[in-house]
Amino acid sequence: MHEMSLAEGVLQIVEDAAQGPQGFARVKTVFLEIGQLSSVEPEAMAFCFEAVSKGTVADGAKLEIVSVPGEGLCLSCQKTVPLAQVYDPCPECGGYPVQPTAGTEMRVRELEVD
């Protein structure tokens, strides 16, 4: 389950922000963008974040997951198209390959703090 190490990375970002110039004592909500093509399971990520955040500045924080749709550039027809899976053909021309341009990312978008 790679979500555990990803959750630890998210927690590290939160803790670094808490110690930064605009320090804070507690995080109420973490807004996390997860791309549909990122191979990150949102439910597993939420479970792991809850586990790793116990006893930290993020203990009890709500994890708000924002889904980012997949998108790609078809190298055959040069159109930007929606992409449901990384190796899908272009929905416009049926060609291959389609290079993902969005939906592979995972990032902390925002923190709601006390």
Protein backbone atom coordinates (compact mmCIF):
# COMPACT_ATOMS: atom_id res chain seq x y z
CA MET A 1 0.00 0.00 0.00
CA HIS A 2 1.93 3.01 -1.26
CA GLU A 3 -0.74 5.33 0.13
CA MET A 4 0.87 5.00 3.59
CA SER A 5 4.13 6.56 2.40
CA LEU A 6 2.19 9.19 0.47
CA ALA A 7 0.17 10.04 3.60
CA GLU A 8 3.43 10.40 5.53
CA GLY A 9 4.64 12.82 2.84
CA VAL A 10 1.45 14.87 3.10
CA LEU A 11 1.83 14.97 6.88
CA GLN A 12 5.42 16.19 6.46
CA ILE A 13 4.19 19.05 4.26
CA VAL A 14 1.60 19.97 6.90
CA GLU A 15 4.17 19.86 9.73
CA ASP A 16 6.65 21.95 7.72
CA ALA A 17 3.93 24.55 7.12
CA ALA A 18 3.08 24.57 10.86
CA GLN A 19 6.70 25.42 11.68
CA GLY A 20 6.98 28.03 8.91
CA PRO A 21 6.70 31.82 9.18
CA GLN A 22 2.90 31.71 9.46
CA GLY A 23 3.05 28.93 12.06
CA PHE A 24 -0.08 27.35 13.49
CA ALA A 25 -0.93 24.91 16.23
CA ARG A 26 -3.61 22.79 14.61
CA VAL A 27 -4.91 21.87 11.17
CA LYS A 28 -8.66 21.51 10.77
CA THR A 29 -8.81 20.51 7.08
CA VAL A 30 -6.30 19.40 4.48
CA PHE A 31 -7.44 19.89 0.89
CA LEU A 32 -5.66 17.31 -1.25
CA GLU A 33 -5.87 17.10 -5.05
CA ILE A 34 -5.55 13.58 -6.40
CA GLY A 35 -5.47 12.98 -10.14
CA GLN A 36 -7.61 10.20 -11.57
CA LEU A 37 -4.53 8.82 -13.36
CA SER A 38 -2.25 8.96 -10.29
CA SER A 39 -2.81 5.37 -9.11
CA VAL A 40 -3.72 6.71 -5.66
CA GLU A 41 -6.85 5.23 -4.10
CA PRO A 42 -8.67 8.11 -2.31
CA GLU A 43 -10.28 5.89 0.34
CA ALA A 44 -6.96 4.24 1.19
CA MET A 45 -5.29 7.67 1.30
CA ALA A 46 -7.89 8.96 3.77
CA PHE A 47 -7.47 5.88 5.97
CA CYS A 48 -3.67 6.17 5.95
CA PHE A 49 -3.69 9.91 6.63
CA GLU A 50 -5.90 9.38 9.65
CA ALA A 51 -3.49 6.72 10.94
CA VAL A 52 -0.26 8.70 10.46
CA SER A 53 -1.66 11.98 11.79
CA LYS A 54 -2.46 10.64 15.28
CA GLY A 55 -0.68 12.73 17.91
CA THR A 56 0.45 15.38 15.40
CA VAL A 57 -0.63 18.90 14.45
CA ALA A 58 -3.05 17.22 12.02
CA ASP A 59 -4.64 14.86 14.55
CA GLY A 60 -8.37 14.83 13.85
CA ALA A 61 -8.03 16.93 10.69
CA LYS A 62 -10.49 16.29 7.90
CA LEU A 63 -8.95 15.23 4.59
CA GLU A 64 -10.91 16.78 1.72
CA ILE A 65 -9.99 14.99 -1.48
CA VAL A 66 -10.52 16.88 -4.73
CA SER A 67 -10.49 14.64 -7.80
CA VAL A 68 -8.58 15.97 -10.84
CA PRO A 69 -9.80 14.47 -14.13
CA GLY A 70 -7.38 12.84 -16.53
CA GLU A 71 -6.45 14.63 -19.72
CA GLY A 72 -3.94 13.93 -22.44
CA LEU A 73 -2.42 15.09 -25.70
CA CYS A 74 -2.94 12.69 -28.58
CA LEU A 75 0.33 12.45 -30.47
CA SER A 76 -1.54 11.27 -33.59
CA CYS A 77 -4.15 14.03 -33.99
CA GLN A 78 -2.56 16.62 -31.66
CA LYS A 79 -5.82 17.19 -29.74
CA THR A 80 -6.15 17.53 -25.98
CA VAL A 81 -8.68 14.91 -24.90
CA PRO A 82 -10.20 13.50 -21.70
CA LEU A 83 -8.33 10.41 -20.55
CA ALA A 84 -9.87 7.77 -18.28
CA GLN A 85 -6.77 5.53 -18.06
CA VAL A 86 -3.13 6.09 -18.89
CA TYR A 87 -2.96 3.70 -21.85
CA ASP A 88 -6.36 4.41 -23.38
CA PRO A 89 -6.55 5.34 -27.09
CA CYS A 90 -7.55 8.81 -28.18
CA PRO A 91 -11.35 9.16 -28.03
CA GLU A 92 -11.22 11.49 -31.06
CA CYS A 93 -9.15 9.49 -33.58
CA GLY A 94 -8.51 6.15 -31.84
CA GLY A 95 -4.77 6.72 -32.12
CA TYR A 96 -1.87 6.01 -29.79
CA PRO A 97 -0.08 7.19 -27.77
CA VAL A 98 -1.90 9.74 -25.69
CA GLN A 99 0.51 11.58 -23.40
CA PRO A 100 -1.08 12.44 -20.02
CA THR A 101 -1.09 16.18 -19.34
CA ALA A 102 -3.35 16.31 -16.28
CA GLY A 103 -4.66 13.89 -13.69
CA THR A 104 -1.36 12.28 -12.68
CA GLU A 105 -0.66 14.72 -9.85
CA MET A 106 -1.22 14.65 -6.12
CA ARG A 107 -0.72 17.86 -4.15
CA VAL A 108 -1.76 19.67 -1.01
CA ARG A 109 -3.87 22.52 -2.35
CA GLU A 110 -4.87 24.26 0.87
CA LEU A 111 -4.81 24.00 4.66
CA GLU A 112 -7.54 25.24 6.97
CA VAL A 113 -5.89 25.98 10.31
CA ASP A 114 -6.69 27.29 13.79
